[in-house]
Protein backbone atom coordinates (compact mmCIF):
# COMPACT_ATOMS: atom_id res chain seq x y z
CA MET A 1 21.66 118.78 165.29
CA ALA A 2 20.88 115.42 166.86
CA GLU A 3 18.36 114.21 169.41
CA ILE A 4 20.33 112.39 172.10
CA VAL A 5 19.33 110.34 175.10
CA LEU A 6 21.86 110.60 177.93
CA GLY A 7 21.49 107.63 180.27
CA VAL A 8 23.25 108.17 183.58
CA GLY A 9 24.31 105.19 185.69
CA GLY A 10 24.71 105.12 189.45
CA GLY A 11 28.43 105.76 189.83
CA ILE A 12 30.50 108.50 191.42
CA ALA A 13 31.71 109.52 187.94
CA ALA A 14 28.21 110.87 187.24
CA TYR A 15 29.41 114.32 188.32
CA LYS A 16 31.74 114.42 185.31
CA VAL A 17 28.88 113.60 182.96
CA ALA A 18 27.25 116.95 183.77
CA GLU A 19 30.07 118.54 181.77
CA VAL A 20 29.40 116.16 178.87
CA LEU A 21 25.76 117.27 178.93
CA ARG A 22 26.79 120.92 178.91
CA ARG A 23 29.01 120.41 175.86
CA LEU A 24 26.27 118.56 173.98
CA THR A 25 23.58 121.17 174.64
CA GLU A 26 25.90 124.10 173.86
CA SER A 27 26.60 122.44 170.50
CA GLY A 28 22.90 122.58 169.71
CA HIS A 29 21.94 118.97 170.41
CA VAL A 30 18.62 118.21 172.09
CA VAL A 31 19.40 115.99 175.07
CA THR A 32 16.95 114.02 177.19
CA VAL A 33 18.54 112.82 180.42
CA VAL A 34 17.36 109.45 181.74
CA PRO A 35 19.15 108.67 185.03
CA THR A 36 18.80 105.52 187.07
CA ARG A 37 17.48 105.79 190.61
CA SER A 38 21.02 105.31 191.93
CA ALA A 39 22.38 108.04 189.66
CA LEU A 40 20.16 110.61 191.37
CA ARG A 41 21.91 109.85 194.66
CA PHE A 42 25.12 111.25 193.13
CA VAL A 43 23.73 114.11 191.00
CA GLY A 44 20.19 115.32 191.60
CA GLU A 45 17.34 115.78 189.16
CA PRO A 46 17.47 119.62 189.24
CA THR A 47 21.02 119.60 187.86
CA TRP A 48 20.13 117.40 184.89
CA ALA A 49 16.95 119.38 184.19
CA ALA A 50 18.72 122.75 184.36
CA LEU A 51 21.58 121.70 182.07
CA SER A 52 19.36 119.93 179.53
CA GLY A 53 16.40 122.32 179.67
CA ARG A 54 14.09 119.31 179.62
CA PRO A 55 12.14 117.26 182.21
CA VAL A 56 13.97 114.34 183.79
CA HIS A 57 12.29 111.00 184.48
CA THR A 58 13.51 107.65 185.79
CA GLU A 59 10.36 105.52 185.80
CA VAL A 60 8.27 104.04 183.00
CA PHE A 61 5.17 105.24 184.89
CA ASP A 62 6.15 108.91 184.62
CA ASP A 63 3.89 110.50 181.96
CA VAL A 64 2.69 106.98 181.21
CA HIS A 65 0.13 108.21 178.66
CA GLU A 66 3.04 109.20 176.40
CA VAL A 67 4.60 105.71 176.63
CA PRO A 68 8.05 107.22 177.30
CA HIS A 69 9.99 103.94 177.30
CA VAL A 70 9.07 103.45 173.64
CA ARG A 71 8.93 107.05 172.44
CA ILE A 72 12.30 108.17 173.83
CA GLY A 73 14.28 105.28 172.38
CA ARG A 74 12.67 105.42 168.96
CA ARG A 75 13.24 109.16 168.52
CA ALA A 76 16.86 109.17 169.61
CA ASP A 77 19.58 109.63 167.00
CA LEU A 78 22.02 108.29 169.61
CA VAL A 79 21.87 106.92 173.15
CA LEU A 80 24.87 107.68 175.36
CA VAL A 81 25.19 105.80 178.65
CA ALA A 82 27.69 107.38 181.04
CA PRO A 83 28.83 106.28 183.46
CA ALA A 84 27.97 102.73 182.45
CA THR A 85 28.33 100.76 185.67
CA ALA A 86 28.94 97.02 185.82
CA ASP A 87 25.39 96.52 187.08
CA LEU A 88 23.83 98.64 184.33
CA MET A 89 25.73 96.83 181.56
CA ALA A 90 24.79 93.47 183.07
CA ARG A 91 21.12 94.43 183.00
CA ALA A 92 21.43 95.74 179.44
CA ALA A 93 23.21 92.58 178.27
CA ALA A 94 20.47 90.45 179.84
CA GLY A 95 17.77 92.48 178.08
CA MET A 96 16.16 93.59 181.33
CA ALA A 97 13.68 96.48 181.35
CA ASP A 98 13.16 97.29 185.02
CA ASP A 99 13.43 101.08 184.72
CA LEU A 100 13.07 103.79 182.09
CA LEU A 101 16.73 103.66 180.98
CA THR A 102 16.93 99.91 180.35
CA SER A 103 13.53 100.03 178.65
CA THR A 104 14.78 102.84 176.42
CA LEU A 105 17.85 100.81 175.50
CA LEU A 106 15.62 98.00 174.22
CA THR A 107 13.70 100.35 171.94
CA ALA A 108 16.65 102.41 170.67
CA ARG A 109 17.23 102.14 166.93
CA GLY A 110 20.20 104.48 166.60
CA PRO A 111 23.78 103.97 167.83
CA VAL A 112 24.17 103.12 171.52
CA VAL A 113 27.41 104.16 173.24
CA TYR A 114 28.40 102.86 176.68
CA VAL A 115 31.13 104.67 178.63
CA PRO A 116 32.13 102.31 181.48
CA ALA A 117 33.42 103.52 184.83
CA MET A 118 34.21 101.15 187.68
CA HIS A 119 37.05 99.68 189.71
CA THR A 120 39.66 97.72 187.77
CA GLU A 121 38.70 94.43 189.39
CA MET A 122 35.08 94.90 188.31
CA TRP A 123 36.08 95.81 184.75
CA GLU A 124 38.32 92.75 184.48
CA HIS A 125 35.84 90.31 186.09
CA PRO A 126 34.78 87.53 183.68
CA ALA A 127 31.12 88.50 184.09
CA THR A 128 31.77 92.08 182.98
CA VAL A 129 34.04 90.91 180.16
CA ALA A 130 31.27 88.62 178.91
CA ASN A 131 28.64 91.35 179.18
CA VAL A 132 30.78 93.82 177.25
CA GLU A 133 31.38 91.22 174.54
CA THR A 134 27.63 90.56 174.33
CA LEU A 135 26.81 94.25 173.95
CA ARG A 136 29.46 94.71 171.27
CA LYS A 137 28.23 91.69 169.32
CA ARG A 138 24.79 93.30 169.27
CA GLY A 139 26.25 96.42 167.68
CA ALA A 140 26.69 98.64 170.73
CA LEU A 141 29.82 100.73 171.11
CA VAL A 142 31.53 100.14 174.45
CA ILE A 143 34.41 102.55 175.03
CA GLU A 144 37.49 101.22 176.76
CA PRO A 145 37.78 103.01 180.13
CA ALA A 146 40.72 105.26 180.87
CA VAL A 147 43.62 104.44 183.18
CA GLY A 148 44.07 106.69 186.20
CA ARG A 149 42.88 107.60 189.69
CA LEU A 150 39.71 105.80 190.72
CA THR A 151 37.57 106.23 193.83
CA GLY A 152 39.66 106.54 196.97
CA ALA A 153 43.36 105.73 196.65
CA ASP A 154 42.96 103.16 193.86
CA THR A 155 44.60 103.64 190.47
CA GLY A 156 44.07 101.51 187.37
CA LYS A 157 41.89 100.92 184.33
CA GLY A 158 38.26 101.83 184.92
CA ARG A 159 38.29 105.61 185.07
CA LEU A 160 35.68 107.52 183.09
CA PRO A 161 37.35 109.29 180.13
CA GLU A 162 37.44 113.06 180.32
CA PRO A 163 34.24 114.88 179.24
CA ALA A 164 35.94 116.50 176.24
CA ASP A 165 37.05 113.09 174.97
CA ILE A 166 33.57 111.62 175.41
CA TYR A 167 32.12 114.58 173.52
CA ASP A 168 34.63 114.10 170.67
CA TYR A 169 33.78 110.40 170.51
CA VAL A 170 30.05 111.09 170.30
CA THR A 171 30.66 113.73 167.64
CA ASP A 172 32.58 111.18 165.58
CA VAL A 173 29.76 108.63 165.88
CA LEU A 174 27.12 111.20 164.90
CA GLY A 175 29.29 112.39 162.02
CA ARG A 176 28.86 109.01 160.35
CA GLY A 177 25.12 109.59 160.05
CA GLY A 178 24.12 106.60 162.14
CA ALA A 179 26.26 104.10 160.23
CA GLY A 180 26.92 100.94 162.21
CA PRO A 181 30.13 99.98 164.01
CA ASP A 182 31.74 98.37 160.96
CA LEU A 183 35.06 97.69 162.69
CA THR A 184 33.64 95.76 165.64
CA GLY A 185 35.80 92.76 166.48
CA ARG A 186 38.82 94.24 164.71
CA HIS A 187 42.09 95.24 166.35
CA VAL A 188 43.77 98.21 164.71
CA VAL A 189 47.10 99.82 165.52
CA VAL A 190 47.80 103.49 164.80
CA SER A 191 51.01 105.45 165.26
CA ALA A 192 51.00 109.21 165.81
CA GLY A 193 53.31 112.14 166.47
CA GLY A 194 56.97 112.63 165.64
CA THR A 195 60.03 110.78 166.90
CA ARG A 196 62.98 112.52 168.53
CA GLU A 197 66.59 111.43 168.13
CA HIS A 198 68.70 112.90 170.91
CA LEU A 199 72.11 114.46 170.26
CA ASP A 200 72.84 115.17 173.91
CA PRO A 201 70.78 115.65 177.11
CA VAL A 202 69.16 118.85 175.78
CA ARG A 203 69.04 118.62 171.98
CA PHE A 204 67.39 116.32 169.50
CA LEU A 205 66.56 115.87 165.82
CA GLY A 206 62.80 116.00 165.35
CA ASN A 207 59.96 117.27 163.23
CA ARG A 208 56.80 119.37 163.46
CA SER A 209 54.24 116.56 163.70
CA SER A 210 51.61 117.32 166.35
CA GLY A 211 49.99 113.87 166.26
CA ARG A 212 46.57 115.30 165.40
CA GLN A 213 46.05 113.10 162.33
CA GLY A 214 47.05 109.93 164.15
CA TYR A 215 44.78 110.81 167.08
CA ALA A 216 41.92 111.49 164.66
CA LEU A 217 42.48 108.05 163.11
CA ALA A 218 42.47 106.38 166.53
CA ARG A 219 39.34 108.22 167.65
CA ALA A 220 37.53 107.41 164.38
CA ALA A 221 38.41 103.70 164.60
CA ALA A 222 37.18 103.54 168.19
CA ALA A 223 33.92 105.23 167.15
CA ARG A 224 33.49 102.50 164.55
CA GLY A 225 33.83 99.76 167.16
CA ALA A 226 37.46 98.73 166.78
CA ARG A 227 39.83 97.84 169.59
CA VAL A 228 42.50 100.48 169.12
CA THR A 229 46.15 100.55 170.14
CA LEU A 230 47.61 104.03 169.71
CA VAL A 231 51.40 104.35 169.77
CA ALA A 232 52.16 108.02 170.36
CA ALA A 233 55.57 109.62 169.90
CA ASN A 234 56.00 112.90 171.79
CA VAL A 235 52.36 114.01 171.56
CA ALA A 236 50.93 116.63 173.92
CA LEU A 237 47.25 116.07 173.03
CA PRO A 238 44.63 114.71 175.49
CA ASP A 239 44.28 110.93 175.39
CA PRO A 240 41.47 109.88 173.03
CA ALA A 241 38.60 108.03 174.69
CA GLY A 242 38.42 104.31 174.19
CA VAL A 243 41.96 103.50 173.08
CA ASP A 244 44.96 101.74 174.61
CA LEU A 245 47.79 104.28 174.59
CA VAL A 246 51.49 103.41 174.36
CA ARG A 247 53.93 106.33 174.66
CA VAL A 248 57.34 106.29 172.94
CA GLY A 249 60.09 108.77 172.16
CA SER A 250 62.60 107.63 169.56
CA ALA A 251 62.28 105.80 166.25
CA ALA A 252 63.80 102.68 167.84
CA GLN A 253 61.17 102.71 170.59
CA LEU A 254 58.43 103.26 168.01
CA PHE A 255 59.73 100.31 165.98
CA ASP A 256 59.59 97.96 168.98
CA ALA A 257 56.12 99.14 170.05
CA MET A 258 54.63 98.87 166.57
CA VAL A 259 56.04 95.41 165.91
CA ALA A 260 54.68 94.16 169.23
CA ALA A 261 51.23 95.71 168.75
CA ALA A 262 50.93 94.61 165.10
CA ALA A 263 51.39 90.93 166.00
CA ASP A 264 47.61 90.38 166.38
CA ALA A 265 46.27 93.40 164.48
CA ASP A 266 43.85 93.34 161.57
CA ALA A 267 45.12 96.69 160.32
CA VAL A 268 48.14 98.90 160.97
CA VAL A 269 48.27 102.61 160.12
CA MET A 270 51.65 104.36 160.28
CA ALA A 271 50.67 108.00 160.65
CA ALA A 272 53.67 108.99 162.80
CA ALA A 273 56.44 111.11 161.31
CA VAL A 274 59.54 108.97 161.86
CA ALA A 275 63.05 110.42 161.76
CA ASP A 276 65.00 108.83 158.91
CA PHE A 277 68.30 109.41 160.68
CA ARG A 278 69.70 109.46 164.21
CA PRO A 279 73.06 110.61 165.59
CA ALA A 280 75.66 107.85 165.34
CA ALA A 281 76.86 108.78 168.83
CA TYR A 282 75.08 110.26 171.83
CA ALA A 283 76.92 112.85 173.93
CA ASP A 284 76.40 112.23 177.64
CA THR A 285 76.93 115.92 178.37
CA LYS A 286 75.76 119.04 176.57
CA ILE A 287 77.78 119.74 173.43
CA LYS A 288 79.60 123.06 174.01
CA LYS A 289 80.49 125.77 171.55
CA SER A 290 84.18 125.59 170.71
CA ALA A 291 86.50 128.45 171.59
CA ASP A 292 87.70 128.82 167.99
CA GLY A 293 84.18 129.27 166.62
CA SER A 294 84.10 126.02 164.64
CA SER A 295 80.93 123.92 164.45
CA PRO A 296 80.77 120.30 165.60
CA VAL A 297 80.37 117.58 162.99
CA ILE A 298 77.37 115.34 163.71
CA GLU A 299 77.58 111.95 162.05
CA LEU A 300 74.21 110.39 161.28
CA GLU A 301 73.07 106.82 160.71
CA ARG A 302 69.82 105.51 159.30
CA ASN A 303 66.89 104.38 161.39
CA ALA A 304 64.98 101.24 160.50
CA ASP A 305 62.18 101.69 157.98
CA ILE A 306 59.21 100.81 160.20
CA LEU A 307 56.53 100.92 157.51
CA ALA A 308 58.50 98.70 155.11
CA HIS A 309 59.26 96.24 157.94
CA LEU A 310 55.60 96.00 158.98
CA ALA A 311 54.48 95.46 155.38
CA ALA A 312 57.13 92.78 154.75
CA HIS A 313 56.61 90.91 158.05
CA ARG A 314 52.83 90.73 158.38
CA PRO A 315 51.59 88.05 160.77
CA SER A 316 48.87 87.29 158.22
CA PRO A 317 48.46 88.09 154.52
CA ALA A 318 45.04 89.47 155.43
CA GLN A 319 46.49 92.26 157.56
CA VAL A 320 46.02 95.69 155.93
CA VAL A 321 48.99 98.06 156.20
CA VAL A 322 48.59 101.80 155.59
CA GLY A 323 51.39 104.34 155.36
CA PHE A 324 51.53 108.12 155.35
CA ALA A 325 53.85 110.16 153.16
CA ALA A 326 54.40 113.84 153.91
CA GLU A 327 55.91 115.12 150.68
CA THR A 328 57.10 118.26 148.95
CA GLY A 329 57.57 118.45 145.21
CA ASP A 330 61.04 119.14 143.81
CA ALA A 331 63.01 119.07 140.57
CA SER A 332 62.91 115.28 140.45
CA GLY A 333 59.13 114.97 140.62
CA SER A 334 55.78 116.12 142.00
CA VAL A 335 54.26 115.21 145.35
CA LEU A 336 52.31 112.37 143.71
CA ASP A 337 55.37 111.15 141.79
CA HIS A 338 57.23 110.75 145.07
CA GLY A 339 54.14 109.16 146.64
CA ARG A 340 53.81 106.50 143.96
CA ALA A 341 57.49 105.66 144.23
CA LYS A 342 57.18 105.34 148.00
CA LEU A 343 54.08 103.13 147.71
CA ALA A 344 56.02 100.73 145.47
CA SER A 345 59.07 100.65 147.72
CA LYS A 346 57.24 100.27 151.04
CA GLY A 347 54.97 97.38 150.04
CA CYS A 348 51.93 98.70 151.91
CA ASP A 349 48.30 98.40 150.75
CA LEU A 350 47.46 102.09 150.98
CA LEU A 351 49.58 105.23 151.13
CA VAL A 352 48.12 108.55 152.25
CA VAL A 353 50.08 111.25 150.42
CA ASN A 354 49.79 114.79 151.65
CA GLU A 355 51.75 117.88 150.72
CA VAL A 356 53.38 119.61 153.66
CA GLY A 357 54.72 123.10 154.03
CA ALA A 358 54.77 126.15 156.24
CA ASP A 359 50.97 126.33 156.56
CA ARG A 360 49.71 122.87 155.65
CA GLY A 361 49.86 119.31 156.98
CA PHE A 362 51.87 119.49 160.18
CA GLU A 363 50.36 121.21 163.23
CA SER A 364 47.17 122.28 161.41
CA GLU A 365 43.57 121.30 162.21
CA ASP A 366 42.80 120.39 158.57
CA ASN A 367 44.37 118.08 156.05
CA ALA A 368 44.07 117.17 152.37
CA ALA A 369 45.47 114.07 150.73
CA VAL A 370 45.47 111.62 147.88
CA ILE A 371 45.18 108.01 149.03
CA LEU A 372 47.00 105.66 146.65
CA GLY A 373 46.25 101.94 146.59
CA ALA A 374 48.59 99.12 145.67
CA ASP A 375 45.82 97.97 143.33
CA GLY A 376 46.22 101.16 141.29
CA SER A 377 43.32 103.03 142.89
CA SER A 378 43.47 106.70 143.85
CA VAL A 379 41.11 108.64 146.13
CA THR A 380 41.34 112.40 146.54
CA VAL A 381 40.28 113.90 149.87
CA GLU A 382 39.76 117.64 149.73
CA SER A 383 40.93 119.90 152.54
CA GLY A 384 38.85 119.48 155.67
CA PRO A 385 39.01 118.32 159.29
CA LYS A 386 41.51 115.56 159.95
CA SER A 387 38.65 113.45 161.28
CA ALA A 388 37.09 113.47 157.79
CA LEU A 389 40.30 112.13 156.24
CA ALA A 390 40.48 109.54 159.02
CA HIS A 391 37.06 108.12 158.15
CA VAL A 392 37.93 107.91 154.46
CA VAL A 393 41.04 105.90 155.40
CA TRP A 394 38.97 103.52 157.53
CA ASP A 395 36.39 103.15 154.75
CA LEU A 396 39.16 101.97 152.44
CA VAL A 397 40.67 99.70 155.11
CA ARG A 398 37.27 98.17 155.85
CA ASP A 399 36.77 97.35 152.17
CA ARG A 400 40.08 95.47 152.18
CA LEU A 401 39.60 93.51 155.40
């Protein structure tokens, strides 16, 4: 398990960070809490000490003989700053060391993750934008804040992500063994979930995709420093921390959202399960059972091939396009035979081929795949968490950017 420094900024969202601390300690991590003076006005020292099981200090002169401002930062496998207020990030960007937390940030040698929380106007202010850019250029990971209810009656971007999402993000960063944010400065677009093509007001054609693999890809890219746009089709999972989420329903809506988001993207990953067909006509009222017992005839028409369109209409030849192929073998060929044929027809750079069935692929926590490259390469990923497959995909994308 890791040794983590949890820096707590002076914002009302500090109360939510107590839950983050609980999740980290229950997972076996050793957590040293370093709050600012202002943070202790929102959540007191006894709470942080009780949840972490360790002493809590705010000043460089506490236990000065141990030189805490140097020792704590050097020993940390990761420093998590939450909530990261506008003031705290400004001081960090300026390299100030006027308390134990900012001093620790200057001596940290592992990954540093900032989780901002503030009013929308503060987040969008040019000074904050510049400070965030400075921190990211130095290798820090600054999570995009969530959109939602802020202090008082305000609503907008600036809300602290939910504790479970922050914990998942940190777990992803730690899972890379301290590797740097190799996608910093990149914009990536990921699709997730399964589209629905409505027959009438109550019925639709759909599939079993839960969106877990797409969400794992988005979370992994954010943990590696990318700016992530996640286009989610009918997904009931919690929003991943640090991504811009676009919700869609049908294949046509997914097509429009992906084309728009891909216009300035460095990489596009089509992990969503897209319906190949849609009803040619939509019934405005529920289709009734006929009195004579006959079944209605539903005429279908093809949806646009989103992956092939994205690959053929890249805004730049340097853009990397990745597709997913959920396949089953049949009399005409194996899973890989169908995957290679699809790779050739789609025109993408990488195709993640995974076999699906009653107990594999869709709706499961784990995944296994073979990643085929247009250059003839092939990488086998054994069954494991979908986050592990996600990082292999991003390793291959990074090498092609």
